[in-house]
PDB file of N, CA and C in Angstrom:
ATOM      1  N   ALA A   1      -2.696  12.218  -5.236  1.00  0.00           N
ATOM      2  CA  ALA A   1      -2.680  11.061  -3.565  1.00  0.00           C
ATOM      3  C   ALA A   1      -3.888  11.279  -2.472  1.00  0.00           C
ATOM      4  N   PRO A   2      -3.688  10.009  -1.351  1.00  0.00           N
ATOM      5  CA  PRO A   2      -4.198  10.158  -0.580  1.00  0.00           C
ATOM      6  C   PRO A   2      -4.889  11.514   0.494  1.00  0.00           C
ATOM      7  N   GLY A   3      -5.352  11.632   0.881  1.00  0.00           N
ATOM      8  CA  GLY A   3      -5.642  12.538   1.739  1.00  0.00           C
ATOM      9  C   GLY A   3      -5.212  12.799   3.273  1.00  0.00           C
ATOM     10  N   GLY A   4      -5.004  11.076   3.461  1.00  0.00           N
ATOM     11  CA  GLY A   4      -4.480  10.632   5.276  1.00  0.00           C
ATOM     12  C   GLY A   4      -2.953  11.654   5.426  1.00  0.00           C
ATOM     13  N   GLY A   5      -2.488  12.552   6.810  1.00  0.00           N
ATOM     14  CA  GLY A   5      -1.671  12.997   6.692  1.00  0.00           C
ATOM     15  C   GLY A   5      -0.626  11.222   7.680  1.00  0.00           C
ATOM     16  N   GLU A   6      -1.228  10.484   8.068  1.00  0.00           N
ATOM     17  CA  GLU A   6      -0.827   9.640   9.100  1.00  0.00           C
ATOM     18  C   GLU A   6       0.168   9.127   8.240  1.00  0.00           C
ATOM     19  N   ALA A   7       0.530   8.998   7.138  1.00  0.00           N
ATOM     20  CA  ALA A   7       1.470   7.359   6.563  1.00  0.00           C
ATOM     21  C   ALA A   7       2.919   8.041   7.281  1.00  0.00           C
ATOM     22  N   GLY A   8       3.851   7.311   7.098  1.00  0.00           N
ATOM     23  CA  GLY A   8       5.524   8.099   7.395  1.00  0.00           C
ATOM     24  C   GLY A   8       6.024   8.163   5.647  1.00  0.00           C
ATOM     25  N   ALA A   9       6.912   8.996   6.418  1.00  0.00           N
ATOM     26  CA  ALA A   9       7.957   9.433   4.671  1.00  0.00           C
ATOM     27  C   ALA A   9       7.999   8.068   3.668  1.00  0.00           C
ATOM     28  N   TYR A  10       8.481   7.037   4.487  1.00  0.00           N
ATOM     29  CA  TYR A  10       8.858   5.567   3.570  1.00  0.00           C
ATOM     30  C   TYR A  10       7.836   5.681   2.848  1.00  0.00           C
ATOM     31  N   VAL A  11       6.433   5.539   3.372  1.00  0.00           N
ATOM     32  CA  VAL A  11       5.178   4.979   2.536  1.00  0.00           C
ATOM     33  C   VAL A  11       4.855   6.498   1.770  1.00  0.00           C
ATOM     34  N   ARG A  12       4.969   7.548   2.207  1.00  0.00           N
ATOM     35  CA  ARG A  12       4.865   8.557   1.418  1.00  0.00           C
ATOM     36  C   ARG A  12       5.452   8.495  -0.039  1.00  0.00           C
ATOM     37  N   GLY A  13       6.587   8.368  -0.117  1.00  0.00           N
ATOM     38  CA  GLY A  13       7.419   8.342  -1.148  1.00  0.00           C
ATOM     39  C   GLY A  13       7.173   7.525  -1.754  1.00  0.00           C
ATOM     40  N   LEU A  14       7.173   6.413  -1.211  1.00  0.00           N
ATOM     41  CA  LEU A  14       6.251   4.871  -2.588  1.00  0.00           C
ATOM     42  C   LEU A  14       5.388   5.446  -3.093  1.00  0.00           C
ATOM     43  N   VAL A  15       4.040   5.468  -2.181  1.00  0.00           N
ATOM     44  CA  VAL A  15       2.898   6.005  -2.956  1.00  0.00           C
ATOM     45  C   VAL A  15       3.153   7.340  -4.364  1.00  0.00           C
ATOM     46  N   LYS A  16       3.987   8.125  -3.808  1.00  0.00           N
ATOM     47  CA  LYS A  16       4.053   8.951  -4.740  1.00  0.00           C
ATOM     48  C   LYS A  16       4.873   8.745  -5.989  1.00  0.00           C
ATOM     49  N   GLU A  17       6.102   7.573  -6.012  1.00  0.00           N
ATOM     50  CA  GLU A  17       6.291   7.278  -6.879  1.00  0.00           C
ATOM     51  C   GLU A  17       5.777   6.321  -7.569  1.00  0.00           C
ATOM     52  N   LEU A  18       4.390   5.557  -7.201  1.00  0.00           N
ATOM     53  CA  LEU A  18       2.997   4.311  -7.940  1.00  0.00           C
ATOM     54  C   LEU A  18       2.793   5.285  -8.206  1.00  0.00           C
ATOM     55  N   LEU A  19       1.812   6.347  -8.245  1.00  0.00           N
ATOM     56  CA  LEU A  19       1.216   7.312  -9.085  1.00  0.00           C
ATOM     57  C   LEU A  19       2.141   7.689  -9.831  1.00  0.00           C
ATOM     58  N   ALA A  20       3.601   8.536 -10.177  1.00  0.00           N
ATOM     59  CA  ALA A  20       3.935   8.564 -10.840  1.00  0.00           C
ATOM     60  C   ALA A  20       4.231   7.951 -12.317  1.00  0.00           C
ATOM     61  N   LEU A  21       4.573   6.551 -11.717  1.00  0.00           N
ATOM     62  CA  LEU A  21       4.442   5.164 -12.627  1.00  0.00           C
ATOM     63  C   LEU A  21       2.954   4.881 -13.331  1.00  0.00           C
ATOM     64  N   HIS A  22       2.086   5.230 -12.568  1.00  0.00           N
ATOM     65  CA  HIS A  22       0.640   5.018 -13.260  1.00  0.00           C
ATOM     66  C   HIS A  22       0.679   5.761 -14.038  1.00  0.00           C
ATOM     67  N   ARG A  23       0.976   6.999 -13.788  1.00  0.00           N
ATOM     68  CA  ARG A  23       1.215   8.221 -14.718  1.00  0.00           C
ATOM     69  C   ARG A  23       1.220   8.195 -16.267  1.00  0.00           C
ATOM     70  N   VAL A  24       2.468   7.241 -16.060  1.00  0.00           N
ATOM     71  CA  VAL A  24       3.403   7.417 -17.385  1.00  0.00           C
ATOM     72  C   VAL A  24       2.959   5.929 -18.265  1.00  0.00           C
ATOM     73  N   LEU A  25       2.178   5.303 -17.137  1.00  0.00           N
ATOM     74  CA  LEU A  25       1.836   3.853 -17.672  1.00  0.00           C
ATOM     75  C   LEU A  25       0.655   4.138 -18.303  1.00  0.00           C
ATOM     76  N   ALA A  26      -0.133   5.088 -17.945  1.00  0.00           N
ATOM     77  CA  ALA A  26      -1.805   5.175 -18.561  1.00  0.00           C
ATOM     78  C   ALA A  26      -1.695   6.157 -19.781  1.00  0.00           C
ATOM     79  N   SER A  27      -0.443   6.546 -19.834  1.00  0.00           N
ATOM     80  CA  SER A  27      -0.215   7.643 -21.216  1.00  0.00           C
ATOM     81  C   SER A  27       0.393   6.753 -22.400  1.00  0.00           C
ATOM     82  N   THR A  28       0.861   5.750 -22.344  1.00  0.00           N
ATOM     83  CA  THR A  28       1.251   5.192 -22.804  1.00  0.00           C
ATOM     84  C   THR A  28       1.008   3.666 -23.385  1.00  0.00           C
ATOM     85  N   LEU A  29       0.370   3.462 -22.429  1.00  0.00           N
ATOM     86  CA  LEU A  29      -0.458   1.643 -22.733  1.00  0.00           C
ATOM     87  C   LEU A  29      -1.747   1.606 -22.514  1.00  0.00           C
ATOM     88  N   ASP A  30      -2.490   0.499 -22.890  1.00  0.00           N
ATOM     89  CA  ASP A  30      -3.928   0.135 -23.198  1.00  0.00           C
ATOM     90  C   ASP A  30      -4.296   0.192 -21.684  1.00  0.00           C
ATOM     91  N   PRO A  31      -5.190   0.085 -21.132  1.00  0.00           N
ATOM     92  CA  PRO A  31      -5.572   0.237 -20.056  1.00  0.00           C
ATOM     93  C   PRO A  31      -5.935  -1.278 -19.247  1.00  0.00           C
ATOM     94  N   ARG A  32      -5.407  -2.578 -20.426  1.00  0.00           N
ATOM     95  CA  ARG A  32      -5.502  -3.958 -19.748  1.00  0.00           C
ATOM     96  C   ARG A  32      -4.046  -4.006 -19.402  1.00  0.00           C
ATOM     97  N   ALA A  33      -2.889  -3.011 -20.335  1.00  0.00           N
ATOM     98  CA  ALA A  33      -1.729  -3.156 -19.956  1.00  0.00           C
ATOM     99  C   ALA A  33      -1.134  -2.715 -18.673  1.00  0.00           C
ATOM    100  N   VAL A  34      -1.669  -1.591 -18.475  1.00  0.00           N
ATOM    101  CA  VAL A  34      -1.923  -1.038 -17.000  1.00  0.00           C
ATOM    102  C   VAL A  34      -2.210  -1.535 -16.023  1.00  0.00           C
ATOM    103  N   GLN A  35      -3.315  -2.492 -16.484  1.00  0.00           N
ATOM    104  CA  GLN A  35      -3.945  -3.163 -15.026  1.00  0.00           C
ATOM    105  C   GLN A  35      -2.803  -4.046 -14.638  1.00  0.00           C
ATOM    106  N   LEU A  36      -2.410  -4.723 -15.846  1.00  0.00           N
ATOM    107  CA  LEU A  36      -1.421  -5.544 -15.488  1.00  0.00           C
ATOM    108  C   LEU A  36      -0.503  -5.364 -14.796  1.00  0.00           C
ATOM    109  N   VAL A  37       0.280  -4.400 -15.437  1.00  0.00           N
ATOM    110  CA  VAL A  37       1.600  -3.653 -14.607  1.00  0.00           C
ATOM    111  C   VAL A  37       1.105  -3.111 -13.169  1.00  0.00           C
ATOM    112  N   MET A  38       0.355  -2.428 -13.109  1.00  0.00           N
ATOM    113  CA  MET A  38      -0.040  -2.209 -11.853  1.00  0.00           C
ATOM    114  C   MET A  38      -0.458  -3.493 -10.803  1.00  0.00           C
ATOM    115  N   GLY A  39      -1.518  -4.424 -11.147  1.00  0.00           N
ATOM    116  CA  GLY A  39      -1.160  -5.565 -10.323  1.00  0.00           C
ATOM    117  C   GLY A  39       0.291  -6.298  -9.888  1.00  0.00           C
ATOM    118  N   MET A  40       1.002  -6.485 -10.830  1.00  0.00           N
ATOM    119  CA  MET A  40       2.535  -7.120 -10.634  1.00  0.00           C
ATOM    120  C   MET A  40       2.810  -6.406  -9.629  1.00  0.00           C
ATOM    121  N   ILE A  41       3.031  -4.799  -9.454  1.00  0.00           N
ATOM    122  CA  ILE A  41       3.398  -4.360  -9.044  1.00  0.00           C
ATOM    123  C   ILE A  41       3.020  -4.177  -7.105  1.00  0.00           C
ATOM    124  N   THR A  42       1.665  -4.419  -7.274  1.00  0.00           N
ATOM    125  CA  THR A  42       0.893  -3.722  -5.887  1.00  0.00           C
ATOM    126  C   THR A  42       1.333  -5.460  -5.479  1.00  0.00           C
ATOM    127  N   ARG A  43       1.101  -6.323  -6.078  1.00  0.00           N
ATOM    128  CA  ARG A  43       1.602  -7.557  -5.058  1.00  0.00           C
ATOM    129  C   ARG A  43       2.893  -8.201  -4.750  1.00  0.00           C
ATOM    130  N   ALA A  44       4.062  -7.236  -5.750  1.00  0.00           N
ATOM    131  CA  ALA A  44       5.307  -6.785  -5.045  1.00  0.00           C
ATOM    132  C   ALA A  44       5.571  -5.947  -3.953  1.00  0.00           C
ATOM    133  N   VAL A  45       4.906  -4.980  -3.546  1.00  0.00           N
ATOM    134  CA  VAL A  45       4.598  -4.137  -2.844  1.00  0.00           C
ATOM    135  C   VAL A  45       4.042  -4.956  -1.660  1.00  0.00           C
ATOM    136  N   SER A  46       3.384  -5.695  -2.244  1.00  0.00           N
ATOM    137  CA  SER A  46       2.355  -5.932  -0.925  1.00  0.00           C
ATOM    138  C   SER A  46       3.308  -7.131  -0.228  1.00  0.00           C
ATOM    139  N   LYS A  47       4.006  -7.877  -0.901  1.00  0.00           N
ATOM    140  CA  LYS A  47       5.350  -9.015  -0.380  1.00  0.00           C
ATOM    141  C   LYS A  47       6.405  -7.901   0.411  1.00  0.00           C
ATOM    142  N   ARG A  48       6.860  -6.890  -0.394  1.00  0.00           N
ATOM    143  CA  ARG A  48       7.939  -6.353   0.331  1.00  0.00           C
ATOM    144  C   ARG A  48       7.788  -5.163   1.222  1.00  0.00           C
ATOM    145  N   LEU A  49       6.365  -5.284   1.445  1.00  0.00           N
ATOM    146  CA  LEU A  49       6.442  -4.015   2.750  1.00  0.00           C
ATOM    147  C   LEU A  49       5.727  -4.803   4.165  1.00  0.00           C
ATOM    148  N   PRO A  50       5.920  -5.539   4.371  1.00  0.00           N
ATOM    149  CA  PRO A  50       5.764  -6.314   5.347  1.00  0.00           C
ATOM    150  C   PRO A  50       7.206  -6.866   5.960  1.00  0.00           C
ATOM    151  N   GLU A  51       7.829  -7.381   4.997  1.00  0.00           N
ATOM    152  CA  GLU A  51       9.608  -6.976   5.082  1.00  0.00           C
ATOM    153  C   GLU A  51      10.263  -5.890   5.848  1.00  0.00           C
ATOM    154  N   HIS A  52       9.608  -4.588   5.141  1.00  0.00           N
ATOM    155  CA  HIS A  52      10.293  -3.182   5.856  1.00  0.00           C
ATOM    156  C   HIS A  52       9.699  -3.133   7.143  1.00  0.00           C
ATOM    157  N   PHE A  53       8.342  -3.263   7.456  1.00  0.00           N
ATOM    158  CA  PHE A  53       7.431  -2.944   8.892  1.00  0.00           C
ATOM    159  C   PHE A  53       8.273  -3.925   9.633  1.00  0.00           C
ATOM    160  N   ALA A  54       8.663  -5.299   9.307  1.00  0.00           N
ATOM    161  CA  ALA A  54       9.359  -6.235  10.429  1.00  0.00           C
ATOM    162  C   ALA A  54      10.606  -6.133  11.289  1.00  0.00           C
ATOM    163  N   LYS A  55      11.569  -5.044  10.093  1.00  0.00           N
ATOM    164  CA  LYS A  55      12.425  -4.084  11.062  1.00  0.00           C
ATOM    165  C   LYS A  55      12.040  -3.046  12.460  1.00  0.00           C
ATOM    166  N   LEU A  56      10.564  -2.741  12.342  1.00  0.00           N
ATOM    167  CA  LEU A  56      10.315  -1.539  13.289  1.00  0.00           C
ATOM    168  C   LEU A  56      10.198  -2.204  14.455  1.00  0.00           C
ATOM    169  N   PRO A  57      10.478  -1.383  14.878  1.00  0.00           N
ATOM    170  CA  PRO A  57       9.889  -1.671  16.819  1.00  0.00           C
ATOM    171  C   PRO A  57       8.086  -1.709  16.858  1.00  0.00           C
ATOM    172  N   LEU A  58       7.482  -2.797  17.056  1.00  0.00           N
ATOM    173  CA  LEU A  58       6.209  -2.800  16.569  1.00  0.00           C
ATOM    174  C   LEU A  58       5.803  -3.173  17.799  1.00  0.00           C
ATOM    175  N   SER A  59       6.169  -2.902  19.065  1.00  0.00           N
ATOM    176  CA  SER A  59       5.775  -3.072  20.140  1.00  0.00           C
ATOM    177  C   SER A  59       4.357  -2.561  21.349  1.00  0.00           C
ATOM    178  N   THR A  60       4.703  -1.376  20.451  1.00  0.00           N
ATOM    179  CA  THR A  60       3.827  -0.414  21.166  1.00  0.00           C
ATOM    180  C   THR A  60       2.042  -0.285  20.247  1.00  0.00           C
ATOM    181  N   THR A  61       1.353   0.270  20.990  1.00  0.00           N
ATOM    182  CA  THR A  61       0.380   0.354  19.891  1.00  0.00           C
ATOM    183  C   THR A  61       0.310   1.541  18.685  1.00  0.00           C
ATOM    184  N   ASN A  62       1.040   2.835  19.366  1.00  0.00           N
ATOM    185  CA  ASN A  62       1.329   3.484  18.783  1.00  0.00           C
ATOM    186  C   ASN A  62       2.214   3.450  17.575  1.00  0.00           C
ATOM    187  N   SER A  63       3.053   2.058  17.407  1.00  0.00           N
ATOM    188  CA  SER A  63       3.828   2.299  16.910  1.00  0.00           C
ATOM    189  C   SER A  63       2.944   1.101  15.233  1.00  0.00           C
ATOM    190  N   GLN A  64       1.931   0.601  16.092  1.00  0.00           N
ATOM    191  CA  GLN A  64       1.361  -0.294  14.930  1.00  0.00           C
ATOM    192  C   GLN A  64       0.466   0.473  14.583  1.00  0.00           C
ATOM    193  N   ARG A  65      -0.033   1.193  15.292  1.00  0.00           N
ATOM    194  CA  ARG A  65      -1.356   2.123  14.418  1.00  0.00           C
ATOM    195  C   ARG A  65      -0.589   3.201  13.264  1.00  0.00           C
ATOM    196  N   ARG A  66       0.795   3.526  13.460  1.00  0.00           N
ATOM    197  CA  ARG A  66       1.923   4.240  12.427  1.00  0.00           C
ATOM    198  C   ARG A  66       1.722   3.492  11.082  1.00  0.00           C
ATOM    199  N   VAL A  67       1.831   1.986  11.379  1.00  0.00           N
ATOM    200  CA  VAL A  67       1.811   1.026  10.139  1.00  0.00           C
ATOM    201  C   VAL A  67       0.475   0.985   9.327  1.00  0.00           C
ATOM    202  N   LYS A  68      -0.484   1.055  10.338  1.00  0.00           N
ATOM    203  CA  LYS A  68      -1.822   1.157  10.117  1.00  0.00           C
ATOM    204  C   LYS A  68      -2.594   2.271   9.215  1.00  0.00           C
ATOM    205  N   GLY A  69      -2.038   3.130   9.979  1.00  0.00           N
ATOM    206  CA  GLY A  69      -1.958   4.830   8.633  1.00  0.00           C
ATOM    207  C   GLY A  69      -0.975   4.691   7.571  1.00  0.00           C
ATOM    208  N   ASP A  70       0.386   3.433   7.916  1.00  0.00           N
ATOM    209  CA  ASP A  70       0.428   3.402   6.232  1.00  0.00           C
ATOM    210  C   ASP A  70      -0.380   2.314   5.250  1.00  0.00           C
ATOM    211  N   VAL A  71      -0.464   1.584   5.715  1.00  0.00           N
ATOM    212  CA  VAL A  71      -1.214   0.571   5.129  1.00  0.00           C
ATOM    213  C   VAL A  71      -2.479   1.473   4.657  1.00  0.00           C
ATOM    214  N   ASP A  72      -3.225   1.744   5.857  1.00  0.00           N
ATOM    215  CA  ASP A  72      -4.389   3.068   4.786  1.00  0.00           C
ATOM    216  C   ASP A  72      -4.146   3.419   3.674  1.00  0.00           C
ATOM    217  N   TYR A  73      -2.988   4.459   3.856  1.00  0.00           N
ATOM    218  CA  TYR A  73      -2.620   5.472   2.951  1.00  0.00           C
ATOM    219  C   TYR A  73      -2.194   4.567   1.818  1.00  0.00           C
ATOM    220  N   LEU A  74      -1.517   3.371   1.620  1.00  0.00           N
ATOM    221  CA  LEU A  74      -1.339   2.858   0.443  1.00  0.00           C
ATOM    222  C   LEU A  74      -2.384   2.081  -0.268  1.00  0.00           C
ATOM    223  N   ARG A  75      -3.238   1.970   0.689  1.00  0.00           N
ATOM    224  CA  ARG A  75      -4.615   1.001   0.024  1.00  0.00           C
ATOM    225  C   ARG A  75      -5.826   2.576  -0.650  1.00  0.00           C
ATOM    226  N   GLU A  76      -5.686   3.154  -0.111  1.00  0.00           N
ATOM    227  CA  GLU A  76      -6.318   4.540  -0.316  1.00  0.00           C
ATOM    228  C   GLU A  76      -6.131   4.935  -2.164  1.00  0.00           C
ATOM    229  N   ALA A  77      -4.500   4.588  -1.905  1.00  0.00           N
ATOM    230  CA  ALA A  77      -4.295   5.507  -3.293  1.00  0.00           C
ATOM    231  C   ALA A  77      -3.644   4.448  -4.635  1.00  0.00           C
ATOM    232  N   LEU A  78      -3.684   3.330  -4.240  1.00  0.00           N
ATOM    233  CA  LEU A  78      -3.742   2.161  -5.003  1.00  0.00           C
ATOM    234  C   LEU A  78      -4.972   2.485  -5.919  1.00  0.00           C
ATOM    235  N   GLU A  79      -6.472   1.950  -4.801  1.00  0.00           N
ATOM    236  CA  GLU A  79      -7.738   1.972  -4.771  1.00  0.00           C
ATOM    237  C   GLU A  79      -7.947   3.321  -5.953  1.00  0.00           C
ATOM    238  N   GLY A  80      -7.241   4.696  -5.839  1.00  0.00           N
ATOM    239  CA  GLY A  80      -7.810   5.409  -6.537  1.00  0.00           C
ATOM    240  C   GLY A  80      -7.206   5.703  -7.308  1.00  0.00           C
ATOM    241  N   MET A  81      -6.577   4.972  -8.273  1.00  0.00           N
ATOM    242  CA  MET A  81      -5.655   5.080  -9.215  1.00  0.00           C
ATOM    243  C   MET A  81      -6.878   4.329 -10.678  1.00  0.00           C
ATOM    244  N   GLU A  82      -7.035   5.716 -11.531  1.00  0.00           N
ATOM    245  CA  GLU A  82      -8.032   4.855 -12.500  1.00  0.00           C
ATOM    246  C   GLU A  82      -7.456   4.084 -13.564  1.00  0.00           C
ATOM    247  N   GLY A  83      -8.459   3.170 -13.374  1.00  0.00           N
ATOM    248  CA  GLY A  83      -7.872   1.888 -14.588  1.00  0.00           C
ATOM    249  C   GLY A  83      -7.976   0.769 -13.496  1.00  0.00           C
ATOM    250  N   VAL A  84      -7.765   1.220 -12.500  1.00  0.00           N
ATOM    251  CA  VAL A  84      -6.520   0.047 -11.226  1.00  0.00           C
ATOM    252  C   VAL A  84      -7.694  -0.815 -10.568  1.00  0.00           C
ATOM    253  N   THR A  85      -8.243  -2.250 -10.891  1.00  0.00           N
ATOM    254  CA  THR A  85      -8.446  -2.580  -9.538  1.00  0.00           C
ATOM    255  C   THR A  85      -7.738  -3.469  -8.814  1.00  0.00           C
ATOM    256  N   VAL A  86      -7.484  -2.956  -7.854  1.00  0.00           N
ATOM    257  CA  VAL A  86      -6.866  -3.912  -6.713  1.00  0.00           C
ATOM    258  C   VAL A  86      -7.865  -5.087  -6.024  1.00  0.00           C
ATOM    259  N   THR A  87      -6.974  -6.442  -5.737  1.00  0.00           N
ATOM    260  CA  THR A  87      -7.951  -7.660  -5.085  1.00  0.00           C
ATOM    261  C   THR A  87      -7.509  -8.168  -3.926  1.00  0.00           C
ATOM    262  N   ASP A  88      -7.766  -8.366  -3.347  1.00  0.00           N
ATOM    263  CA  ASP A  88      -7.650  -9.381  -2.103  1.00  0.00           C
ATOM    264  C   ASP A  88      -6.180 -10.005  -2.612  1.00  0.00           C
ATOM    265  N   ALA A  89      -6.755 -11.023  -3.199  1.00  0.00           N
ATOM    266  CA  ALA A  89      -5.157 -11.278  -3.378  1.00  0.00           C
ATOM    267  C   ALA A  89      -3.750 -10.740  -3.989  1.00  0.00           C
ATOM    268  N   ASP A  90      -4.077  -9.257  -4.337  1.00  0.00           N
ATOM    269  CA  ASP A  90      -2.770  -8.393  -4.444  1.00  0.00           C
ATOM    270  C   ASP A  90      -2.586  -8.407  -3.616  1.00  0.00           C
ATOM    271  N   VAL A  91      -3.230  -7.673  -2.909  1.00  0.00           N
ATOM    272  CA  VAL A  91      -2.442  -7.805  -1.000  1.00  0.00           C
ATOM    273  C   VAL A  91      -2.912  -8.112  -0.207  1.00  0.00           C
ATOM    274  N   GLU A  92      -2.994  -9.473  -0.161  1.00  0.00           N
ATOM    275  CA  GLU A  92      -3.211 -10.511   0.855  1.00  0.00           C
ATOM    276  C   GLU A  92      -1.692 -10.607   1.597  1.00  0.00           C
ATOM    277  N   PRO A  93      -0.683 -11.054   1.357  1.00  0.00           N
ATOM    278  CA  PRO A  93       0.726 -10.967   1.778  1.00  0.00           C
ATOM    279  C   PRO A  93       1.159  -9.812   3.074  1.00  0.00           C
ATOM    280  N   LEU A  94       0.187  -8.080   2.618  1.00  0.00           N
ATOM    281  CA  LEU A  94       0.699  -7.035   3.196  1.00  0.00           C
ATOM    282  C   LEU A  94      -1.404  -7.612   4.821  1.00  0.00           C
ATOM    283  N   THR A  95      -1.938  -7.856   3.912  1.00  0.00           N
ATOM    284  CA  THR A  95      -3.261  -8.208   4.447  1.00  0.00           C
ATOM    285  C   THR A  95      -3.116  -9.295   5.806  1.00  0.00           C
ATOM    286  N   SER A  96      -2.237 -10.480   5.184  1.00  0.00           N
ATOM    287  CA  SER A  96      -2.059 -11.180   6.909  1.00  0.00           C
ATOM    288  C   SER A  96      -1.076 -10.708   7.313  1.00  0.00           C
ATOM    289  N   TYR A  97      -0.189 -10.323   7.433  1.00  0.00           N
ATOM    290  CA  TYR A  97       1.047  -9.321   7.829  1.00  0.00           C
ATOM    291  C   TYR A  97       0.163  -8.356   8.970  1.00  0.00           C
ATOM    292  N   CYS A  98      -0.601  -7.716   8.392  1.00  0.00           N
ATOM    293  CA  CYS A  98      -0.709  -6.597   9.605  1.00  0.00           C
ATOM    294  C   CYS A  98      -2.434  -7.777  10.707  1.00  0.00           C
ATOM    295  N   ALA A  99      -2.909  -8.157   9.772  1.00  0.00           N
ATOM    296  CA  ALA A  99      -3.710  -9.378  10.764  1.00  0.00           C
ATOM    297  C   ALA A  99      -3.650  -9.650  12.486  1.00  0.00           C
ATOM    298  N   GLN A 100      -1.962  -9.486  11.954  1.00  0.00           N
ATOM    299  CA  GLN A 100      -0.792 -10.233  13.491  1.00  0.00           C
ATOM    300  C   GLN A 100      -0.975  -8.847  14.346  1.00  0.00           C
ATOM    301  N   LEU A 101      -1.463  -7.622  14.145  1.00  0.00           N
ATOM    302  CA  LEU A 101      -1.083  -6.340  14.918  1.00  0.00           C
ATOM    303  C   LEU A 101      -2.167  -6.540  15.470  1.00  0.00           C
ATOM    304  N   ALA A 102      -2.493  -5.811  16.805  1.00  0.00           N
ATOM    305  CA  ALA A 102      -3.423  -5.480  17.803  1.00  0.00           C
ATOM    306  C   ALA A 102      -4.123  -4.266  16.668  1.00  0.00           C
ATOM    307  N   ALA A 103      -3.089  -3.619  16.765  1.00  0.00           N
ATOM    308  CA  ALA A 103      -4.129  -1.909  16.009  1.00  0.00           C
ATOM    309  C   ALA A 103      -5.162  -2.139  14.814  1.00  0.00           C
ATOM    310  N   PHE A 104      -4.915  -3.634  13.931  1.00  0.00           N
ATOM    311  CA  PHE A 104      -5.486  -3.822  12.742  1.00  0.00           C
ATOM    312  C   PHE A 104      -7.013  -4.499  13.458  1.00  0.00           C
ATOM    313  N   ARG A 105      -6.847  -5.478  14.526  1.00  0.00           N
ATOM    314  CA  ARG A 105      -8.016  -5.689  14.773  1.00  0.00           C
ATOM    315  C   ARG A 105      -8.539  -5.239  15.774  1.00  0.00           C
ATOM    316  N   ASN A 106      -8.075  -4.185  16.396  1.00  0.00           N
ATOM    317  CA  ASN A 106      -8.844  -2.800  17.197  1.00  0.00           C
ATOM    318  C   ASN A 106      -8.772  -1.976  17.009  1.00  0.00           C
ATOM    319  N   PRO A 107      -9.033  -1.221  16.205  1.00  0.00           N
ATOM    320  CA  PRO A 107      -8.737   0.413  15.380  1.00  0.00           C
ATOM    321  C   PRO A 107      -9.379   1.020  16.608  1.00  0.00           C
ATOM    322  N   ALA A 108      -8.744   1.797  16.433  1.00  0.00           N
ATOM    323  CA  ALA A 108      -8.917   3.175  17.875  1.00  0.00           C
ATOM    324  C   ALA A 108      -9.756   4.130  17.092  1.00  0.00           C
TER     325      ALA A 108
END
């Protein structure tokens, strides 16, 4: 799992499940199939997380920094999965959502 402790419980749990799924897939499927499945999952997560974050009060810098911590933690986990390549297109919905938040434009 990624090293940063700044991620919230929701994203830490999501990453834990993604890593477990990746382990199972990698032990049973060929690498191309693992990349295909994990790419589909990454795209789905990238679409769903903005919906989750939209339900949170993000009016303060601290709350936006927490979202940034979540996103950084998730990206680190995805990019650390052996045999999985995460493209900009895979995470475009999440990247676009985050670009609207000041904490992503002006990291502290």
